[in-house]
Structure formats: C-alpha cells, structure tokens
C-alpha atoms as a PDB file:
ATOM      1  CA  MET A   1     -11.136  -4.427 -75.808  1.00  0.00           C
ATOM      2  CA  ASN A   2     -14.845  -3.733 -75.784  1.00  0.00           C
ATOM      3  CA  LEU A   3     -17.220  -1.766 -77.953  1.00  0.00           C
ATOM      4  CA  ASN A   4     -17.669   1.622 -76.285  1.00  0.00           C
ATOM      5  CA  LYS A   5     -20.957   1.482 -74.353  1.00  0.00           C
ATOM      6  CA  THR A   6     -22.187   4.764 -75.836  1.00  0.00           C
ATOM      7  CA  PHE A   7     -21.464   3.606 -79.373  1.00  0.00           C
ATOM      8  CA  GLU A   8     -22.948   0.185 -78.613  1.00  0.00           C
ATOM      9  CA  SER A   9     -26.209   1.677 -77.331  1.00  0.00           C
ATOM     10  CA  LEU A  10     -26.426   3.928 -80.407  1.00  0.00           C
ATOM     11  CA  GLN A  11     -25.736   0.947 -82.674  1.00  0.00           C
ATOM     12  CA  ILE A  12     -28.477  -1.052 -80.964  1.00  0.00           C
ATOM     13  CA  LYS A  13     -30.868   1.903 -81.183  1.00  0.00           C
ATOM     14  CA  GLU A  14     -30.329   2.247 -84.947  1.00  0.00           C
ATOM     15  CA  MET A  15     -30.979  -1.457 -85.499  1.00  0.00           C
ATOM     16  CA  GLN A  16     -34.074  -1.391 -83.303  1.00  0.00           C
ATOM     17  CA  ILE A  17     -35.417   1.525 -85.362  1.00  0.00           C
ATOM     18  CA  ARG A  18     -34.948  -0.674 -88.444  1.00  0.00           C
ATOM     19  CA  ASN A  19     -36.876  -3.432 -86.647  1.00  0.00           C
ATOM     20  CA  TYR A  20     -33.943  -5.862 -86.663  1.00  0.00           C
ATOM     21  CA  SER A  21     -34.475  -9.028 -84.655  1.00  0.00           C
ATOM     22  CA  THR A  22     -32.876  -9.401 -81.226  1.00  0.00           C
ATOM     23  CA  ARG A  23     -30.745 -12.199 -82.631  1.00  0.00           C
ATOM     24  CA  THR A  24     -29.426 -10.032 -85.492  1.00  0.00           C
ATOM     25  CA  ILE A  25     -28.646  -7.152 -83.123  1.00  0.00           C
ATOM     26  CA  LYS A  26     -26.709  -9.488 -80.835  1.00  0.00           C
ATOM     27  CA  THR A  27     -24.816 -10.966 -83.800  1.00  0.00           C
ATOM     28  CA  TYR A  28     -23.852  -7.565 -85.243  1.00  0.00           C
ATOM     29  CA  CYS A  29     -22.636  -6.225 -81.887  1.00  0.00           C
ATOM     30  CA  SER A  30     -20.569  -9.347 -81.202  1.00  0.00           C
ATOM     31  CA  LEU A  31     -18.970  -9.044 -84.655  1.00  0.00           C
ATOM     32  CA  LEU A  32     -17.988  -5.424 -84.000  1.00  0.00           C
ATOM     33  CA  ILE A  33     -16.534  -6.372 -80.613  1.00  0.00           C
ATOM     34  CA  LYS A  34     -14.511  -9.107 -82.334  1.00  0.00           C
ATOM     35  CA  LEU A  35     -13.279  -6.555 -84.886  1.00  0.00           C
ATOM     36  CA  GLU A  36     -11.999  -4.279 -82.125  1.00  0.00           C
ATOM     37  CA  LYS A  37     -10.404  -7.169 -80.261  1.00  0.00           C
ATOM     38  CA  ASP A  38      -8.631  -8.588 -83.316  1.00  0.00           C
ATOM     39  CA  LEU A  39      -7.300  -5.223 -84.495  1.00  0.00           C
ATOM     40  CA  GLY A  40      -6.487  -3.844 -81.046  1.00  0.00           C
ATOM     41  CA  LYS A  41      -8.026  -0.442 -81.698  1.00  0.00           C
ATOM     42  CA  SER A  42     -11.362   1.276 -81.247  1.00  0.00           C
ATOM     43  CA  LEU A  43     -13.953   0.822 -83.945  1.00  0.00           C
ATOM     44  CA  TYR A  44     -13.924   4.545 -84.678  1.00  0.00           C
ATOM     45  CA  GLU A  45     -10.208   4.334 -85.528  1.00  0.00           C
ATOM     46  CA  VAL A  46     -10.520   1.372 -87.908  1.00  0.00           C
ATOM     47  CA  THR A  47      -9.570   2.420 -91.443  1.00  0.00           C
ATOM     48  CA  THR A  48     -10.701   0.956 -94.743  1.00  0.00           C
ATOM     49  CA  GLU A  49      -7.335  -0.780 -95.093  1.00  0.00           C
ATOM     50  CA  ASP A  50      -7.639  -2.230 -91.570  1.00  0.00           C
ATOM     51  CA  PHE A  51     -11.118  -3.544 -92.282  1.00  0.00           C
ATOM     52  CA  LYS A  52     -10.251  -5.041 -95.669  1.00  0.00           C
ATOM     53  CA  ASN A  53      -7.104  -6.711 -94.325  1.00  0.00           C
ATOM     54  CA  TRP A  54      -9.146  -8.190 -91.492  1.00  0.00           C
ATOM     55  CA  LEU A  55     -11.803  -9.480 -93.896  1.00  0.00           C
ATOM     56  CA  HIS A  56      -9.092 -10.971 -96.114  1.00  0.00           C
ATOM     57  CA  TYR A  57      -7.597 -12.767 -93.114  1.00  0.00           C
ATOM     58  CA  LEU A  58     -10.961 -14.185 -92.023  1.00  0.00           C
ATOM     59  CA  ILE A  59     -11.807 -15.346 -95.551  1.00  0.00           C
ATOM     60  CA  THR A  60      -8.436 -16.882 -96.470  1.00  0.00           C
ATOM     61  CA  LYS A  61      -7.302 -18.182 -93.074  1.00  0.00           C
ATOM     62  CA  LYS A  62     -10.523 -18.849 -91.173  1.00  0.00           C
ATOM     63  CA  GLY A  63     -12.738 -19.769 -94.110  1.00  0.00           C
ATOM     64  CA  ILE A  64     -15.741 -17.686 -93.077  1.00  0.00           C
ATOM     65  CA  SER A  65     -18.769 -17.801 -95.365  1.00  0.00           C
ATOM     66  CA  VAL A  66     -20.029 -15.107 -97.722  1.00  0.00           C
ATOM     67  CA  SER A  67     -23.062 -14.594 -95.478  1.00  0.00           C
ATOM     68  CA  THR A  68     -20.800 -13.869 -92.489  1.00  0.00           C
ATOM     69  CA  VAL A  69     -18.750 -11.423 -94.571  1.00  0.00           C
ATOM     70  CA  ASN A  70     -21.963  -9.628 -95.506  1.00  0.00           C
ATOM     71  CA  GLN A  71     -22.987  -9.485 -91.848  1.00  0.00           C
ATOM     72  CA  LEU A  72     -19.625  -7.937 -90.964  1.00  0.00           C
ATOM     73  CA  ILE A  73     -19.949  -5.329 -93.698  1.00  0.00           C
ATOM     74  CA  SER A  74     -23.536  -4.509 -92.697  1.00  0.00           C
ATOM     75  CA  ALA A  75     -22.605  -4.086 -89.027  1.00  0.00           C
ATOM     76  CA  PHE A  76     -19.586  -1.937 -89.933  1.00  0.00           C
ATOM     77  CA  LYS A  77     -21.701   0.189 -92.289  1.00  0.00           C
ATOM     78  CA  ILE A  78     -24.440   0.840 -89.715  1.00  0.00           C
ATOM     79  CA  PHE A  79     -21.815   1.952 -87.215  1.00  0.00           C
ATOM     80  CA  HIS A  80     -20.078   4.410 -89.525  1.00  0.00           C
ATOM     81  CA  VAL A  81     -23.081   5.729 -91.450  1.00  0.00           C
ATOM     82  CA  ASP A  82     -25.848   5.800 -88.836  1.00  0.00           C
ATOM     83  CA  VAL A  83     -23.898   6.102 -85.593  1.00  0.00           C
ATOM     84  CA  CYS A  84     -20.877   8.164 -86.672  1.00  0.00           C
ATOM     85  CA  HIS A  85     -22.613   9.949 -89.598  1.00  0.00           C
ATOM     86  CA  ARG A  86     -19.843   9.275 -92.079  1.00  0.00           C
ATOM     87  CA  LYS A  87     -20.159   8.756 -95.815  1.00  0.00           C
ATOM     88  CA  TRP A  88     -20.014   5.053 -96.663  1.00  0.00           C
ATOM     89  CA  GLU A  89     -18.550   5.782-100.110  1.00  0.00           C
ATOM     90  CA  GLU A  90     -15.321   6.864 -98.417  1.00  0.00           C
ATOM     91  CA  PHE A  91     -14.684   3.308 -97.213  1.00  0.00           C
ATOM     92  CA  HIS A  92     -14.823   1.630-100.644  1.00  0.00           C
ATOM     93  CA  VAL A  93     -15.878  -1.722 -99.193  1.00  0.00           C
ATOM     94  CA  ARG A  94     -17.756  -3.913-101.640  1.00  0.00           C
ATOM     95  CA  ARG A  95     -19.741  -7.006-100.858  1.00  0.00           C
ATOM     96  CA  PRO A  96     -18.431 -10.354-102.167  1.00  0.00           C
ATOM     97  CA  ARG A  97     -20.040 -12.201-105.029  1.00  0.00           C
ATOM     98  CA  LYS A  98     -22.593 -14.719-103.851  1.00  0.00           C
ATOM     99  CA  GLU A  99     -21.620 -18.371-103.958  1.00  0.00           C
ATOM    100  CA  LYS A 100     -23.779 -20.403-106.301  1.00  0.00           C
ATOM    101  CA  LYS A 101     -23.959 -23.702-104.450  1.00  0.00           C
ATOM    102  CA  LEU A 102     -26.761 -26.159-104.986  1.00  0.00           C
ATOM    103  CA  PRO A 103     -28.376 -27.540-101.819  1.00  0.00           C
ATOM    104  CA  ILE A 104     -27.733 -31.102-100.698  1.00  0.00           C
ATOM    105  CA  VAL A 105     -30.953 -33.086-100.959  1.00  0.00           C
ATOM    106  CA  LEU A 106     -31.782 -36.527 -99.574  1.00  0.00           C
ATOM    107  CA  SER A 107     -34.053 -39.058-101.214  1.00  0.00           C
ATOM    108  CA  LEU A 108     -37.409 -39.965 -99.676  1.00  0.00           C
ATOM    109  CA  GLN A 109     -35.888 -43.277 -98.601  1.00  0.00           C
ATOM    110  CA  GLU A 110     -33.013 -41.521 -96.816  1.00  0.00           C
ATOM    111  CA  VAL A 111     -35.405 -39.222 -94.953  1.00  0.00           C
ATOM    112  CA  GLN A 112     -37.459 -42.273 -94.010  1.00  0.00           C
ATOM    113  CA  ARG A 113     -34.359 -44.007 -92.614  1.00  0.00           C
ATOM    114  CA  MET A 114     -33.429 -40.951 -90.550  1.00  0.00           C
ATOM    115  CA  ILE A 115     -36.861 -40.929 -88.943  1.00  0.00           C
ATOM    116  CA  THR A 116     -37.209 -44.679 -88.361  1.00  0.00           C
ATOM    117  CA  VAL A 117     -33.768 -45.087 -86.730  1.00  0.00           C
ATOM    118  CA  THR A 118     -34.594 -42.289 -84.270  1.00  0.00           C
ATOM    119  CA  ASN A 119     -36.305 -43.845 -81.253  1.00  0.00           C
ATOM    120  CA  ASN A 120     -36.351 -40.799 -78.976  1.00  0.00           C
ATOM    121  CA  ILE A 121     -39.902 -39.435 -79.350  1.00  0.00           C
ATOM    122  CA  LYS A 122     -38.864 -35.783 -79.010  1.00  0.00           C
ATOM    123  CA  HIS A 123     -36.068 -36.172 -81.552  1.00  0.00           C
ATOM    124  CA  ARG A 124     -38.375 -37.976 -83.954  1.00  0.00           C
ATOM    125  CA  ALA A 125     -40.996 -35.234 -83.579  1.00  0.00           C
ATOM    126  CA  ILE A 126     -38.377 -32.583 -84.360  1.00  0.00           C
ATOM    127  CA  LEU A 127     -37.216 -34.426 -87.480  1.00  0.00           C
ATOM    128  CA  MET A 128     -40.742 -35.011 -88.739  1.00  0.00           C
ATOM    129  CA  LEU A 129     -41.991 -31.477 -88.088  1.00  0.00           C
ATOM    130  CA  THR A 130     -38.913 -29.897 -89.662  1.00  0.00           C
ATOM    131  CA  TYR A 131     -39.088 -32.006 -92.810  1.00  0.00           C
ATOM    132  CA  SER A 132     -42.868 -32.107 -93.222  1.00  0.00           C
ATOM    133  CA  ALA A 133     -43.311 -28.340 -92.799  1.00  0.00           C
ATOM    134  CA  GLY A 134     -40.016 -27.053 -94.248  1.00  0.00           C
ATOM    135  CA  LEU A 135     -38.988 -25.174 -91.120  1.00  0.00           C
ATOM    136  CA  ARG A 136     -35.831 -23.229 -90.372  1.00  0.00           C
ATOM    137  CA  ARG A 137     -33.806 -24.110 -87.292  1.00  0.00           C
ATOM    138  CA  MET A 138     -34.796 -20.987 -85.362  1.00  0.00           C
ATOM    139  CA  GLU A 139     -38.448 -21.549 -86.261  1.00  0.00           C
ATOM    140  CA  VAL A 140     -38.352 -25.017 -84.698  1.00  0.00           C
ATOM    141  CA  LEU A 141     -36.747 -23.618 -81.552  1.00  0.00           C
ATOM    142  CA  GLN A 142     -39.341 -20.854 -81.178  1.00  0.00           C
ATOM    143  CA  ILE A 143     -42.489 -22.781 -82.107  1.00  0.00           C
ATOM    144  CA  LYS A 144     -45.150 -23.115 -79.398  1.00  0.00           C
ATOM    145  CA  PRO A 145     -47.880 -25.753 -78.930  1.00  0.00           C
ATOM    146  CA  ARG A 146     -50.555 -23.230 -79.931  1.00  0.00           C
ATOM    147  CA  ASP A 147     -48.869 -22.823 -83.335  1.00  0.00           C
ATOM    148  CA  ILE A 148     -49.913 -26.363 -84.277  1.00  0.00           C
ATOM    149  CA  ASP A 149     -53.381 -25.963 -85.801  1.00  0.00           C
ATOM    150  CA  SER A 150     -54.853 -29.465 -86.015  1.00  0.00           C
ATOM    151  CA  GLN A 151     -58.250 -28.140 -87.141  1.00  0.00           C
ATOM    152  CA  ARG A 152     -56.914 -26.582 -90.329  1.00  0.00           C
ATOM    153  CA  MET A 153     -53.855 -28.872 -90.521  1.00  0.00           C
ATOM    154  CA  GLN A 154     -51.462 -25.947 -90.577  1.00  0.00           C
ATOM    155  CA  VAL A 155     -48.324 -24.894 -88.752  1.00  0.00           C
ATOM    156  CA  ARG A 156     -48.197 -21.206 -87.909  1.00  0.00           C
ATOM    157  CA  ILE A 157     -44.768 -19.589 -88.036  1.00  0.00           C
ATOM    158  CA  VAL A 158     -44.697 -16.409 -85.968  1.00  0.00           C
ATOM    159  CA  GLN A 159     -42.130 -13.781 -86.902  1.00  0.00           C
ATOM    160  CA  GLY A 160     -39.920 -16.035 -88.987  1.00  0.00           C
ATOM    161  CA  LYS A 161     -36.954 -14.791 -91.000  1.00  0.00           C
ATOM    162  CA  GLY A 162     -37.495 -11.178 -92.008  1.00  0.00           C
ATOM    163  CA  LYS A 163     -40.046 -10.863 -89.183  1.00  0.00           C
ATOM    164  CA  LYS A 164     -42.778 -12.408 -91.322  1.00  0.00           C
ATOM    165  CA  ASP A 165     -45.645 -14.657 -90.239  1.00  0.00           C
ATOM    166  CA  ARG A 166     -46.717 -17.524 -92.476  1.00  0.00           C
ATOM    167  CA  TYR A 167     -48.585 -20.818 -92.546  1.00  0.00           C
ATOM    168  CA  THR A 168     -47.191 -24.081 -93.817  1.00  0.00           C
ATOM    169  CA  ILE A 169     -48.279 -27.727 -94.015  1.00  0.00           C
ATOM    170  CA  LEU A 170     -49.087 -29.900 -90.997  1.00  0.00           C
ATOM    171  CA  SER A 171     -48.665 -33.580 -91.825  1.00  0.00           C
ATOM    172  CA  TRP A 172     -51.116 -36.106 -90.342  1.00  0.00           C
ATOM    173  CA  LYS A 173     -48.260 -38.452 -89.469  1.00  0.00           C
ATOM    174  CA  THR A 174     -46.381 -35.618 -87.813  1.00  0.00           C
ATOM    175  CA  LEU A 175     -49.484 -34.637 -85.843  1.00  0.00           C
ATOM    176  CA  GLU A 176     -49.810 -38.181 -84.478  1.00  0.00           C
ATOM    177  CA  VAL A 177     -46.203 -38.177 -83.257  1.00  0.00           C
ATOM    178  CA  LEU A 178     -46.545 -34.656 -81.835  1.00  0.00           C
ATOM    179  CA  ARG A 179     -49.584 -35.761 -79.824  1.00  0.00           C
ATOM    180  CA  MET A 180     -47.706 -38.751 -78.399  1.00  0.00           C
ATOM    181  CA  TYR A 181     -44.736 -36.533 -77.552  1.00  0.00           C
ATOM    182  CA  TYR A 182     -46.937 -33.866 -75.948  1.00  0.00           C
ATOM    183  CA  LYS A 183     -48.669 -36.390 -73.684  1.00  0.00           C
ATOM    184  CA  LEU A 184     -45.288 -37.639 -72.468  1.00  0.00           C
ATOM    185  CA  GLU A 185     -43.455 -34.350 -71.931  1.00  0.00           C
ATOM    186  CA  ARG A 186     -46.150 -31.710 -71.453  1.00  0.00           C
ATOM    187  CA  PRO A 187     -43.995 -28.733 -72.530  1.00  0.00           C
ATOM    188  CA  SER A 188     -45.037 -25.479 -70.839  1.00  0.00           C
ATOM    189  CA  THR A 189     -44.024 -22.675 -73.210  1.00  0.00           C
ATOM    190  CA  TYR A 190     -42.130 -23.934 -76.227  1.00  0.00           C
ATOM    191  CA  LEU A 191     -43.103 -27.074 -78.090  1.00  0.00           C
ATOM    192  CA  PHE A 192     -39.597 -28.473 -77.629  1.00  0.00           C
ATOM    193  CA  GLU A 193     -37.930 -27.782 -74.279  1.00  0.00           C
ATOM    194  CA  PRO A 194     -34.790 -29.201 -72.624  1.00  0.00           C
ATOM    195  CA  MET A 195     -35.339 -31.889 -70.016  1.00  0.00           C
ATOM    196  CA  GLY A 196     -35.632 -30.292 -66.594  1.00  0.00           C
ATOM    197  CA  ARG A 197     -35.770 -26.755 -67.991  1.00  0.00           C
ATOM    198  CA  LYS A 198     -39.433 -25.965 -68.544  1.00  0.00           C
ATOM    199  CA  GLY A 199     -40.177 -22.712 -70.314  1.00  0.00           C
ATOM    200  CA  GLN A 200     -36.834 -22.642 -72.144  1.00  0.00           C
ATOM    201  CA  PRO A 201     -36.241 -23.428 -75.832  1.00  0.00           C
ATOM    202  CA  LEU A 202     -33.745 -26.004 -77.024  1.00  0.00           C
ATOM    203  CA  SER A 203     -30.389 -24.677 -78.208  1.00  0.00           C
ATOM    204  CA  GLU A 204     -29.354 -24.458 -81.852  1.00  0.00           C
ATOM    205  CA  ARG A 205     -26.497 -26.845 -81.131  1.00  0.00           C
ATOM    206  CA  THR A 206     -28.888 -29.455 -79.724  1.00  0.00           C
ATOM    207  CA  VAL A 207     -31.218 -29.603 -82.725  1.00  0.00           C
ATOM    208  CA  GLU A 208     -28.269 -29.562 -85.132  1.00  0.00           C
ATOM    209  CA  TYR A 209     -26.834 -32.563 -83.285  1.00  0.00           C
ATOM    210  CA  ILE A 210     -30.181 -34.380 -83.432  1.00  0.00           C
ATOM    211  CA  VAL A 211     -30.284 -34.124 -87.229  1.00  0.00           C
ATOM    212  CA  LYS A 212     -26.628 -34.998 -87.784  1.00  0.00           C
ATOM    213  CA  ASN A 213     -26.790 -37.946 -85.395  1.00  0.00           C
ATOM    214  CA  SER A 214     -29.927 -39.310 -87.062  1.00  0.00           C
ATOM    215  CA  ALA A 215     -28.269 -39.069 -90.476  1.00  0.00           C
ATOM    216  CA  LYS A 216     -25.199 -40.861 -89.132  1.00  0.00           C
ATOM    217  CA  ASN A 217     -27.284 -43.641 -87.574  1.00  0.00           C
ATOM    218  CA  ALA A 218     -29.187 -43.997 -90.846  1.00  0.00           C
ATOM    219  CA  GLY A 219     -25.908 -44.620 -92.670  1.00  0.00           C
ATOM    220  CA  ILE A 220     -26.174 -41.501 -94.824  1.00  0.00           C
ATOM    221  CA  LYS A 221     -22.801 -40.436 -96.211  1.00  0.00           C
ATOM    222  CA  LYS A 222     -23.898 -37.037 -97.517  1.00  0.00           C
ATOM    223  CA  GLU A 223     -23.043 -33.901 -95.558  1.00  0.00           C
ATOM    224  CA  VAL A 224     -26.300 -33.389 -93.680  1.00  0.00           C
ATOM    225  CA  SER A 225     -27.195 -30.306 -91.645  1.00  0.00           C
ATOM    226  CA  PHE A 226     -30.424 -29.165 -90.037  1.00  0.00           C
ATOM    227  CA  HIS A 227     -31.217 -27.057 -93.116  1.00  0.00           C
ATOM    228  CA  THR A 228     -30.949 -30.164 -95.311  1.00  0.00           C
ATOM    229  CA  LEU A 229     -34.409 -31.253 -94.177  1.00  0.00           C
ATOM    230  CA  ARG A 230     -35.836 -27.910 -95.305  1.00  0.00           C
ATOM    231  CA  HIS A 231     -34.165 -28.370 -98.707  1.00  0.00           C
ATOM    232  CA  CYS A 232     -35.697 -31.855 -98.912  1.00  0.00           C
ATOM    233  CA  PHE A 233     -39.175 -30.491 -98.150  1.00  0.00           C
ATOM    234  CA  ALA A 234     -39.047 -28.002-101.037  1.00  0.00           C
ATOM    235  CA  THR A 235     -37.434 -30.407-103.499  1.00  0.00           C
ATOM    236  CA  HIS A 236     -39.787 -33.300-102.780  1.00  0.00           C
ATOM    237  CA  LEU A 237     -42.834 -31.020-103.106  1.00  0.00           C
ATOM    238  CA  LEU A 238     -41.539 -29.801-106.454  1.00  0.00           C
ATOM    239  CA  GLU A 239     -40.972 -33.373-107.611  1.00  0.00           C
ATOM    240  CA  ALA A 240     -44.547 -34.173-106.556  1.00  0.00           C
ATOM    241  CA  GLY A 241     -45.839 -31.457-108.876  1.00  0.00           C
ATOM    242  CA  VAL A 242     -46.567 -28.685-106.370  1.00  0.00           C
ATOM    243  CA  ASN A 243     -46.526 -25.198-107.903  1.00  0.00           C
ATOM    244  CA  LEU A 244     -43.302 -23.244-107.313  1.00  0.00           C
ATOM    245  CA  ARG A 245     -45.241 -20.202-106.088  1.00  0.00           C
ATOM    246  CA  GLN A 246     -47.007 -22.315-103.458  1.00  0.00           C
ATOM    247  CA  ILE A 247     -43.680 -23.751-102.307  1.00  0.00           C
ATOM    248  CA  GLN A 248     -42.380 -20.182-102.000  1.00  0.00           C
ATOM    249  CA  GLN A 249     -45.236 -19.375 -99.621  1.00  0.00           C
ATOM    250  CA  PHE A 250     -44.663 -22.509 -97.538  1.00  0.00           C
ATOM    251  CA  MET A 251     -40.936 -21.732 -97.292  1.00  0.00           C
ATOM    252  CA  GLY A 252     -41.406 -18.048 -96.490  1.00  0.00           C
ATOM    253  CA  HIS A 253     -39.126 -16.879 -99.295  1.00  0.00           C
ATOM    254  CA  THR A 254     -39.375 -13.196-100.201  1.00  0.00           C
ATOM    255  CA  SER A 255     -38.241 -13.803-103.765  1.00  0.00           C
ATOM    256  CA  LEU A 256     -39.293 -16.584-106.123  1.00  0.00           C
ATOM    257  CA  LYS A 257     -35.642 -16.670-107.267  1.00  0.00           C
ATOM    258  CA  THR A 258     -34.679 -18.220-103.941  1.00  0.00           C
ATOM    259  CA  THR A 259     -37.243 -20.980-104.373  1.00  0.00           C
ATOM    260  CA  ALA A 260     -36.297 -21.535-108.022  1.00  0.00           C
ATOM    261  CA  VAL A 261     -32.910 -22.980-107.000  1.00  0.00           C
ATOM    262  CA  TYR A 262     -34.726 -26.257-106.267  1.00  0.00           C
ATOM    263  CA  LEU A 263     -35.478 -26.599-109.975  1.00  0.00           C
ATOM    264  CA  HIS A 264     -31.790 -27.460-110.394  1.00  0.00           C
ATOM    265  CA  VAL A 265     -31.843 -30.367-107.933  1.00  0.00           C
ATOM    266  CA  ALA A 266     -35.355 -31.765-108.382  1.00  0.00           C
ATOM    267  CA  HIS A 267     -35.842 -34.844-110.555  1.00  0.00           C
ATOM    268  CA  ILE A 268     -38.840 -33.874-112.645  1.00  0.00           C
ATOM    269  CA  LYS A 269     -40.353 -36.793-114.556  1.00  0.00           C
ATOM    270  CA  THR A 270     -40.606 -35.429-118.083  1.00  0.00           C
ATOM    271  CA  SER A 271     -42.614 -38.481-119.159  1.00  0.00           C
ATOM    272  CA  GLU A 272     -45.560 -37.099-117.176  1.00  0.00           C
ATOM    273  CA  PHE A 273     -45.756 -34.027-119.389  1.00  0.00           C
ATOM    274  CA  THR A 274     -46.638 -33.533-123.034  1.00  0.00           C
ATOM    275  CA  SER A 275     -45.225 -31.020-125.460  1.00  0.00           C
ATOM    276  CA  PRO A 276     -47.556 -28.131-126.415  1.00  0.00           C
ATOM    277  CA  LEU A 277     -46.982 -29.150-130.042  1.00  0.00           C
ATOM    278  CA  ASP A 278     -48.993 -32.310-129.406  1.00  0.00           C
ATOM    279  CA  ASP A 279     -52.064 -30.151-128.729  1.00  0.00           C
ATOM    280  CA  ILE A 280     -51.901 -28.629-132.210  1.00  0.00           C
ATOM    281  CA  THR A 281     -53.732 -30.293-135.092  1.00  0.00           C
ATOM    282  CA  LEU A 282     -51.332 -30.492-138.034  1.00  0.00           C
ATOM    283  CA  PHE A 283     -52.691 -33.284-140.201  1.00  0.00           C
END
C-alpha cells in the first residue's frame, strides 16, 4: 500500500502552507503511509473506529509515546480536514492526556565524568557543546561553523524547533575544544560531519550513540539520552541562580511553563535566601 500520490502532494502542500519543517512533513507522510499499510485500506476509507482501534493497538502493544500519538492525530486531521474537506468533529478523536514525567538530570560530577572519559575530540566537542549551550539533537546536527560566535561568546541556533532563531551561551572551555577539533577535521559545511563524507551532517543515531556510550563508559547507571544533557543545562543554570525567564530564552521554549518543570528537579539551596519577613522591622 502507498499513500495516493495526489493525496500525498495535497497533504504536503497544506503543510508547506503552514510552514511546517521538512522533517515534520516527512514524518507525517510516513505515518499516514504506515496507517494505510497496517489497515490494508486507503486513507480515505479509514473510519473513526479503524483509526481508534489502530491507535489502541499501537499504544497498548507497541508502547508508542503520547507525542507520537499526537503526531498521528495531527497528520490524520490535516488529511481529512484540509485535503478532503471533511468536518473533524465527525471523527470524535481526542488527544491523549499529557504524561507528567520529570526529566532525568545528572549531577555536575556525572557530566564531568562523561566528558573526561571521552577521548575522541569530535565526540567530546559534541558533548560539551550540547551540555554547555542546552542544544536539541537536531540543532547539533544542523549547526554550522559560522554559528559559533567567539566574539560575543554566543551560539546562534538557526530555525530551531518551531522555526525560531535564538542565541544561547558559548562556554570558553567548549570554544577551546571546538578550535582544536576544527583544526584537526576542517569540516566544510556542518560543524560535525561524518568521516569521509564532507558536507553531510551526522545522523541522529550517531549522536545518540555518542551520548549513551559516554554515559556507559562513565559508569552512570541512570537512563541517559541525548536530551538528558539539555535537561542538565537548564537544571544546573537554575541551581546556579539564573533567572527562569533567561533560561527559557536560552532553551528556546515558547512557554515559561515548559521551562518551569526544572523547578521540580533542581536542588535550590534555601539557606542562600532570606524570608521577606526578616526585612520587616517588628521590634
């Protein structure tokens, strides 16, 4: 089975009009193709019951995440509402409740161990840049040498999540390692490129492996992913007393609510603060 080419081109057109990223468009189309393949019928023929039964199967048997479920629903909705001009209310498909999971955060010592046990200069540069600037995986893959601003000590993120540009912190220690790495490898287009493939970015799988392998070699037992380093960046800044609004800007969060989750995992030293009552003269 395959998504009808006419429908597929219309689906892509609608998403391009909405300024969806190329990656999101590819993901949505692949999900719709999977839907057709699994159900053995054209997307146009898929009923509400078909779709819900399929979602139930993926959730209970395959363990897909809430974010993937939401992607499936969004792709399905765009097809029926914008491509087929149907009323979405007729499908009665509701989005799942969001999971309220706290991020896994490493200590400063654990991050230090991950970096020091990593001897490969490129891998070390990736770890240090990701942690010190709070970058997403795709941002690390797409970053270019010109995005490292050593004059202003900033990292420029071009068209990050939500197609937004932003600036974040450039660490002096990271800059030193990046300079050593650059002299050795001389990447042509992207800051981090595969060996023997100039002008190409690293794959998501590669950078995920780099982080997981470093955590393993450092003897860390926690479940570490690439995104863990981003969580550590935000949490450690918060613990150091950086304003939550500033952290939001560094992270590129649209809502302060997203950033506020780190309040639940940060160890704030209450001894460093005084109660407002102590500023009032009573006696």
